[in-house]
């Protein structure tokens, strides 16, 4: 147990506590794929925090009638009770028990909603766990008002990581780093931190249109995919590559070198999926329409010289990345050439955002 994140129990607990928070999703530019222990990444990752794709969560804690009573958890998604979410929350509460000891005094009701459809193919675990973690640290603020917000956010990232690794990157806004890196002071495997080095203004309001190629549930979960990096024939080379790419990408972010930024980001996306395709057992999460979109992006970029590129999550969907000043042209490109490849012609316009908020 880490003393930095422990909470010193108060002598008297209130009967009811209510908190509310919102947190966005994020998209990794340098991916992490493979982990050890409890949500410790095998390599450093770096992401854009998004703005429009977010989760809002309301947490209500009600004092138990008997201290020894098992904690009851109820979860509502868009006002509909969703018992299938309860086991994941129970597991999360067990993992954070030493850091949030007040939870054992209460039963919990969690009401959550997303600005994007739950089945849209965008991973909601990052925004969902980050929003819940922000609710939890507000509980601590209500019990100990002297706690600084910077410390609350640091602990929220630490807690969110235990629920979903990438959720650690959804607490703060902008460009966020998670995972210890030998060249970056303050980097940690335990929580994510905003990049402190210089960033060219062009990346401060970068755009991300999520092209929803496939809204269905993935055939292989991310958890299983991460585990298949254990014993993977190219694992160690991949982890070393990611660390080098972090160093490279920081220089491109500082200089505003869009050509090298796009090359590295696309390479990272394809490398992620290459790791899946040569794991044991192997699997493919890209769909035929994913490849159609990628080739159209490359052709469009060659013809127009507009600096638009793609990245991929662990699925079939394509994130289209571009500077804000090209929004009009890129939106026309999406309408004319890309949306036909999306399921139900669906896509979501998003951009770099400010991170989670206490409500």
Protein backbone atom coordinates (compact mmCIF):
# COMPACT_ATOMS: atom_id res chain seq x y z
CA UNK A 1 0.00 0.00 0.00
CA UNK A 2 1.27 3.48 -0.91
CA UNK A 3 1.10 5.96 1.96
CA UNK A 4 0.86 8.90 -0.45
CA UNK A 5 -2.63 7.82 -1.52
CA UNK A 6 -4.02 6.54 1.77
CA UNK A 7 -6.88 8.38 3.42
CA UNK A 8 -6.83 8.89 7.17
CA UNK A 9 -10.25 7.85 8.44
CA UNK A 10 -12.31 10.42 10.32
CA UNK A 11 -13.87 9.67 13.69
CA UNK A 12 -17.41 10.39 12.51
CA UNK A 13 -18.92 9.55 9.12
CA UNK A 14 -21.90 11.46 7.67
CA UNK A 15 -25.00 9.39 6.96
CA UNK A 16 -25.12 10.38 3.28
CA UNK A 17 -22.61 11.77 0.79
CA UNK A 18 -23.35 12.87 -2.76
CA UNK A 19 -20.80 13.87 -5.41
CA UNK A 20 -20.86 14.43 -9.16
CA UNK A 21 -18.13 14.65 -11.81
CA UNK A 22 -17.55 14.41 -15.52
CA UNK A 23 -14.54 13.03 -17.41
CA UNK A 24 -13.74 12.68 -21.12
CA UNK A 25 -12.39 9.80 -23.14
CA UNK A 26 -8.87 10.00 -24.58
CA UNK A 27 -7.04 8.68 -27.62
CA UNK A 28 -3.46 7.42 -27.32
CA UNK A 29 -0.91 8.62 -29.84
CA UNK A 30 1.79 6.30 -28.49
CA UNK A 31 -0.01 3.14 -27.42
CA UNK A 32 0.44 0.89 -24.43
CA UNK A 33 -0.22 -2.78 -25.07
CA UNK A 34 0.87 -5.16 -22.37
CA UNK A 35 0.84 -4.78 -18.60
CA UNK A 36 1.93 -6.48 -15.39
CA UNK A 37 0.90 -6.67 -11.76
CA UNK A 38 -2.18 -4.50 -11.15
CA UNK A 39 -2.50 -2.16 -14.10
CA UNK A 40 1.21 -1.38 -14.48
CA UNK A 41 2.01 -0.62 -18.14
CA UNK A 42 4.90 -2.32 -19.93
CA UNK A 43 5.66 0.93 -21.75
CA UNK A 44 4.89 4.63 -21.53
CA UNK A 45 1.88 5.97 -23.46
CA UNK A 46 0.94 9.48 -24.53
CA UNK A 47 -2.58 10.66 -25.38
CA UNK A 48 -4.83 13.52 -26.37
CA UNK A 49 -7.60 14.12 -23.85
CA UNK A 50 -10.86 14.60 -25.77
CA UNK A 51 -13.70 17.03 -25.06
CA UNK A 52 -17.09 15.96 -26.40
CA UNK A 53 -16.96 12.20 -25.76
CA UNK A 54 -17.39 12.17 -21.98
CA UNK A 55 -19.12 10.48 -19.06
CA UNK A 56 -21.01 12.22 -16.25
CA UNK A 57 -21.38 10.28 -13.00
CA UNK A 58 -23.39 10.92 -9.84
CA UNK A 59 -22.28 8.96 -6.76
CA UNK A 60 -24.49 8.58 -3.69
CA UNK A 61 -23.16 6.88 -0.57
CA UNK A 62 -25.71 5.86 2.08
CA UNK A 63 -24.60 4.70 5.51
CA UNK A 64 -25.02 0.95 6.15
CA UNK A 65 -27.37 -0.14 8.87
CA UNK A 66 -24.75 -2.61 10.15
CA UNK A 67 -21.01 -2.10 9.76
CA UNK A 68 -20.48 -5.76 8.89
CA UNK A 69 -23.13 -5.64 6.17
CA UNK A 70 -21.81 -6.36 2.66
CA UNK A 71 -21.57 -3.23 0.53
CA UNK A 72 -24.52 -3.01 -1.84
CA UNK A 73 -23.84 -1.41 -5.23
CA UNK A 74 -26.43 -0.29 -7.74
CA UNK A 75 -25.46 1.10 -11.15
CA UNK A 76 -27.73 3.04 -13.52
CA UNK A 77 -26.77 3.86 -17.11
CA UNK A 78 -28.94 6.59 -18.62
CA UNK A 79 -31.45 6.09 -15.77
CA UNK A 80 -31.79 2.36 -16.47
CA UNK A 81 -30.49 -0.02 -13.81
CA UNK A 82 -27.63 -2.06 -15.27
CA UNK A 83 -26.70 -5.01 -13.01
CA UNK A 84 -24.08 -6.22 -15.53
CA UNK A 85 -21.85 -3.29 -14.50
CA UNK A 86 -21.89 -4.23 -10.81
CA UNK A 87 -19.17 -6.96 -10.82
CA UNK A 88 -16.64 -4.58 -12.39
CA UNK A 89 -17.42 -1.89 -9.80
CA UNK A 90 -17.20 -4.47 -6.98
CA UNK A 91 -13.76 -5.52 -8.23
CA UNK A 92 -12.70 -1.86 -8.45
CA UNK A 93 -13.88 -1.13 -4.91
CA UNK A 94 -11.90 -4.14 -3.61
CA UNK A 95 -8.75 -2.88 -5.34
CA UNK A 96 -9.06 0.60 -3.83
CA UNK A 97 -10.23 -0.49 -0.38
CA UNK A 98 -6.92 0.42 1.28
CA UNK A 99 -6.98 3.90 -0.30
CA UNK A 100 -10.69 4.65 0.17
CA UNK A 101 -11.51 3.00 3.54
CA UNK A 102 -14.69 5.05 3.92
CA UNK A 103 -16.39 2.96 1.21
CA UNK A 104 -16.88 0.02 3.59
CA UNK A 105 -19.17 2.22 5.72
CA UNK A 106 -21.62 2.81 2.88
CA UNK A 107 -23.81 1.32 0.19
CA UNK A 108 -23.28 2.96 -3.19
CA UNK A 109 -25.59 4.08 -5.98
CA UNK A 110 -23.88 5.15 -9.21
CA UNK A 111 -25.81 6.98 -11.92
CA UNK A 112 -23.85 7.49 -15.11
CA UNK A 113 -24.44 8.68 -18.65
CA UNK A 114 -22.33 9.18 -21.78
CA UNK A 115 -22.55 11.93 -24.38
CA UNK A 116 -21.80 9.23 -26.94
CA UNK A 117 -23.89 6.06 -27.40
CA UNK A 118 -22.67 3.27 -25.12
CA UNK A 119 -22.59 0.88 -28.08
CA UNK A 120 -20.90 3.36 -30.39
CA UNK A 121 -17.58 1.53 -30.40
CA UNK A 122 -15.77 4.15 -28.30
CA UNK A 123 -14.33 2.64 -25.15
CA UNK A 124 -16.31 4.14 -22.28
CA UNK A 125 -14.22 2.51 -19.53
CA UNK A 126 -11.65 5.33 -19.58
CA UNK A 127 -14.15 8.16 -19.19
CA UNK A 128 -16.40 6.11 -16.88
CA UNK A 129 -13.70 5.08 -14.42
CA UNK A 130 -12.14 8.55 -14.49
CA UNK A 131 -15.49 10.18 -13.67
CA UNK A 132 -16.08 7.72 -10.82
CA UNK A 133 -12.57 8.36 -9.45
CA UNK A 134 -13.23 12.11 -9.47
CA UNK A 135 -16.43 11.46 -7.52
CA UNK A 136 -14.49 9.43 -4.96
CA UNK A 137 -11.82 12.05 -4.32
CA UNK A 138 -14.59 14.62 -3.82
CA UNK A 139 -15.82 12.42 -0.98
CA UNK A 140 -12.41 12.86 0.61
CA UNK A 141 -12.56 16.63 0.01
CA UNK A 142 -15.90 16.76 1.83
CA UNK A 143 -14.39 14.90 4.78
CA UNK A 144 -11.07 16.76 4.77
CA UNK A 145 -11.57 20.21 3.14
CA UNK A 146 -7.90 21.13 3.45
CA UNK A 147 -6.87 18.67 0.70
CA UNK A 148 -5.46 20.53 -2.33
CA UNK A 149 -7.10 20.05 -5.74
CA UNK A 150 -3.76 19.08 -7.32
CA UNK A 151 -3.46 16.24 -4.81
CA UNK A 152 -7.07 15.21 -5.46
CA UNK A 153 -6.44 14.98 -9.20
CA UNK A 154 -3.25 13.00 -8.72
CA UNK A 155 -5.08 10.50 -6.51
CA UNK A 156 -7.99 10.39 -8.97
CA UNK A 157 -5.59 9.35 -11.73
CA UNK A 158 -4.09 6.72 -9.42
CA UNK A 159 -7.52 5.32 -8.54
CA UNK A 160 -8.84 5.46 -12.11
CA UNK A 161 -5.85 3.45 -13.29
CA UNK A 162 -6.86 0.58 -11.00
CA UNK A 163 -10.23 0.46 -12.73
CA UNK A 164 -8.99 0.92 -16.29
CA UNK A 165 -5.40 1.67 -17.21
CA UNK A 166 -6.18 4.28 -19.85
CA UNK A 167 -8.61 6.00 -17.44
CA UNK A 168 -5.58 7.44 -15.66
CA UNK A 169 -5.10 9.67 -18.73
CA UNK A 170 -8.64 11.12 -18.61
CA UNK A 171 -8.32 13.20 -15.43
CA UNK A 172 -6.31 16.12 -16.84
CA UNK A 173 -6.57 17.83 -20.22
CA UNK A 174 -4.33 18.27 -23.22
CA UNK A 175 -1.43 15.92 -23.85
CA UNK A 176 -1.07 13.35 -21.09
CA UNK A 177 1.70 10.88 -20.28
CA UNK A 178 1.27 7.63 -18.38
CA UNK A 179 4.08 5.24 -17.54
CA UNK A 180 7.60 5.67 -16.24
CA UNK A 181 10.02 7.01 -18.85
CA UNK A 182 13.73 7.17 -18.20
CA UNK A 183 14.07 10.62 -19.81
CA UNK A 184 11.01 12.34 -18.29
CA UNK A 185 11.11 13.57 -14.71
CA UNK A 186 7.85 13.07 -12.84
CA UNK A 187 6.59 10.28 -15.10
CA UNK A 188 5.08 7.34 -13.25
CA UNK A 189 3.51 3.92 -13.75
CA UNK A 190 1.03 4.73 -10.96
CA UNK A 191 -0.70 7.83 -12.37
CA UNK A 192 -0.70 10.01 -15.47
CA UNK A 193 0.73 13.53 -15.75
CA UNK A 194 0.32 16.39 -18.24
CA UNK A 195 3.33 16.90 -20.49
CA UNK A 196 5.38 19.68 -18.94
CA UNK A 197 7.67 20.32 -21.92
CA UNK A 198 6.99 22.87 -24.67
CA UNK A 199 4.07 22.15 -27.01
CA UNK A 200 3.50 24.00 -30.28
CA UNK A 201 0.17 25.91 -30.27
CA UNK A 202 -1.11 23.88 -33.25
CA UNK A 203 -1.61 20.88 -30.95
CA UNK A 204 -3.54 22.78 -28.27
CA UNK A 205 -6.86 22.55 -30.16
CA UNK A 206 -6.23 19.56 -32.42
CA UNK A 207 -9.34 17.92 -33.88
CA UNK A 208 -10.37 14.25 -33.72
CA UNK A 209 -13.31 12.92 -35.72
CA UNK A 210 -14.16 9.38 -34.65
CA UNK A 211 -15.33 7.33 -37.63
CA UNK A 212 -17.58 4.60 -36.27
CA UNK A 213 -16.73 1.69 -38.53
CA UNK A 214 -18.14 -0.94 -36.19
CA UNK A 215 -20.27 -0.27 -33.11
CA UNK A 216 -20.39 -3.90 -32.02
CA UNK A 217 -18.57 -5.52 -29.12
CA UNK A 218 -14.99 -6.47 -29.91
CA UNK A 219 -14.32 -10.16 -30.54
CA UNK A 220 -11.28 -10.01 -28.27
CA UNK A 221 -11.33 -7.81 -25.15
CA UNK A 222 -8.53 -5.36 -24.43
CA UNK A 223 -7.76 -7.23 -21.20
CA UNK A 224 -7.16 -10.46 -23.12
CA UNK A 225 -5.19 -8.59 -25.77
CA UNK A 226 -2.89 -7.10 -23.13
CA UNK A 227 -2.31 -10.55 -21.60
CA UNK A 228 -1.24 -11.95 -24.98
CA UNK A 229 1.81 -9.69 -24.87
CA UNK A 230 3.17 -12.03 -22.20
CA UNK A 231 5.45 -14.34 -24.16
CA UNK A 232 4.79 -12.44 -27.40
CA UNK A 233 7.71 -12.99 -29.82
CA UNK A 234 8.10 -9.24 -30.46
CA UNK A 235 7.11 -7.88 -27.05
CA UNK A 236 10.46 -6.56 -25.85
CA UNK A 237 11.22 -4.90 -29.17
CA UNK A 238 7.78 -3.27 -29.11
CA UNK A 239 8.22 -1.92 -25.58
CA UNK A 240 11.61 -0.43 -26.53
CA UNK A 241 10.11 1.07 -29.69
CA UNK A 242 7.36 2.77 -27.71
CA UNK A 243 9.85 4.34 -25.30
CA UNK A 244 11.86 5.70 -28.24
CA UNK A 245 8.69 6.97 -29.90
CA UNK A 246 7.78 8.91 -26.76
CA UNK A 247 11.10 10.76 -26.99
CA UNK A 248 10.65 11.40 -30.72
CA UNK A 249 7.05 12.53 -30.40
CA UNK A 250 7.88 15.06 -27.70
CA UNK A 251 10.30 16.77 -30.10
CA UNK A 252 7.66 16.92 -32.85
CA UNK A 253 5.08 18.31 -30.42
CA UNK A 254 7.52 21.03 -29.40
CA UNK A 255 8.54 21.98 -32.95
CA UNK A 256 5.13 21.60 -34.62
CA UNK A 257 6.59 19.14 -37.15
CA UNK A 258 3.32 17.80 -38.57
CA UNK A 259 4.94 15.55 -41.17
CA UNK A 260 6.89 13.58 -38.56
CA UNK A 261 3.98 13.72 -36.10
CA UNK A 262 1.70 12.05 -38.65
CA UNK A 263 4.29 9.44 -39.61
CA UNK A 264 4.88 8.40 -36.02
CA UNK A 265 1.19 8.42 -34.98
CA UNK A 266 0.14 6.26 -37.94
CA UNK A 267 3.05 3.91 -37.38
CA UNK A 268 2.03 3.50 -33.74
CA UNK A 269 -1.55 2.65 -34.73
CA UNK A 270 -0.48 0.02 -37.24
CA UNK A 271 2.10 -1.42 -34.86
CA UNK A 272 -0.60 -1.91 -32.22
CA UNK A 273 -2.64 -3.98 -34.63
CA UNK A 274 0.45 -5.79 -35.89
CA UNK A 275 1.05 -6.99 -32.33
CA UNK A 276 -2.46 -8.45 -32.32
CA UNK A 277 -2.00 -10.17 -35.65
CA UNK A 278 1.16 -11.98 -34.58
CA UNK A 279 0.22 -12.85 -31.01
CA UNK A 280 -0.58 -16.44 -30.00
CA UNK A 281 -3.45 -16.87 -30.59
CA UNK A 282 -3.57 -14.18 -33.28
CA UNK A 283 -6.57 -12.00 -33.97
CA UNK A 284 -7.65 -9.08 -36.17
CA UNK A 285 -9.77 -6.17 -34.93
CA UNK A 286 -9.57 -4.02 -38.06
CA UNK A 287 -12.46 -4.41 -40.51
CA UNK A 288 -12.36 -4.17 -44.32
CA UNK A 289 -13.90 -0.69 -44.05
CA UNK A 290 -11.06 0.34 -41.73
CA UNK A 291 -8.59 -0.33 -44.52
CA UNK A 292 -10.77 1.47 -47.09
CA UNK A 293 -10.78 4.56 -44.89
CA UNK A 294 -7.02 4.45 -44.29
CA UNK A 295 -6.28 4.30 -48.02
CA UNK A 296 -8.66 7.18 -48.70
CA UNK A 297 -6.94 9.26 -46.00
CA UNK A 298 -3.55 8.63 -47.59
CA UNK A 299 -4.84 9.53 -51.07
CA UNK A 300 -6.54 12.68 -49.81
CA UNK A 301 -3.40 13.79 -47.98
CA UNK A 302 -1.24 13.23 -51.06
CA UNK A 303 -3.64 15.12 -53.33
CA UNK A 304 -4.48 18.08 -51.09
CA UNK A 305 -1.37 18.35 -48.89
CA UNK A 306 -3.74 18.86 -45.95
CA UNK A 307 -2.06 17.33 -42.85
CA UNK A 308 -4.72 14.83 -41.86
CA UNK A 309 -3.73 11.48 -40.38
CA UNK A 310 -5.32 8.57 -38.54
CA UNK A 311 -4.89 6.58 -35.41
CA UNK A 312 -6.74 3.48 -34.22
CA UNK A 313 -7.89 2.23 -30.87
CA UNK A 314 -8.04 -1.49 -30.09
CA UNK A 315 -10.90 -1.94 -32.53
CA UNK A 316 -12.09 -1.18 -36.04
CA UNK A 317 -12.88 2.53 -35.59
CA UNK A 318 -10.68 5.23 -37.09
CA UNK A 319 -9.74 8.46 -35.33
CA UNK A 320 -9.12 11.18 -37.91
CA UNK A 321 -6.65 13.76 -36.54
CA UNK A 322 -6.10 17.22 -38.03
CA UNK A 323 -5.31 20.85 -37.07
CA UNK A 324 -8.34 23.02 -36.34
CA UNK A 325 -7.67 25.42 -39.23
CA UNK A 326 -8.47 22.62 -41.70
CA UNK A 327 -11.83 21.77 -40.12
CA UNK A 328 -14.01 22.92 -43.05
CA UNK A 329 -12.05 21.00 -45.68
CA UNK A 330 -11.77 17.83 -43.59
CA UNK A 331 -15.48 17.83 -42.72
CA UNK A 332 -16.28 18.04 -46.44
CA UNK A 333 -13.93 15.09 -47.04
CA UNK A 334 -15.72 13.09 -44.34
CA UNK A 335 -19.16 13.86 -45.78
CA UNK A 336 -18.17 13.09 -49.36
CA UNK A 337 -15.76 10.16 -48.99
CA UNK A 338 -15.61 8.62 -45.52
CA UNK A 339 -19.00 8.45 -43.84
CA UNK A 340 -20.20 5.84 -46.35
CA UNK A 341 -17.72 3.42 -44.73
CA UNK A 342 -19.12 4.00 -41.23
CA UNK A 343 -21.84 1.89 -39.68
CA UNK A 344 -25.09 3.83 -40.17
CA UNK A 345 -22.85 6.59 -41.60
CA UNK A 346 -22.07 7.56 -38.00
CA UNK A 347 -19.16 9.66 -36.78
CA UNK A 348 -18.44 12.01 -33.86
CA UNK A 349 -16.55 15.29 -34.13
CA UNK A 350 -14.30 15.91 -31.14
CA UNK A 351 -11.21 17.88 -30.17
CA UNK A 352 -8.55 18.21 -27.48
CA UNK A 353 -10.21 19.17 -24.20
CA UNK A 354 -9.57 20.36 -20.68
CA UNK A 355 -10.01 17.10 -18.77
CA UNK A 356 -12.35 16.02 -16.00
CA UNK A 357 -14.40 18.38 -13.85
CA UNK A 358 -15.94 18.35 -10.40
CA UNK A 359 -19.63 19.23 -10.68
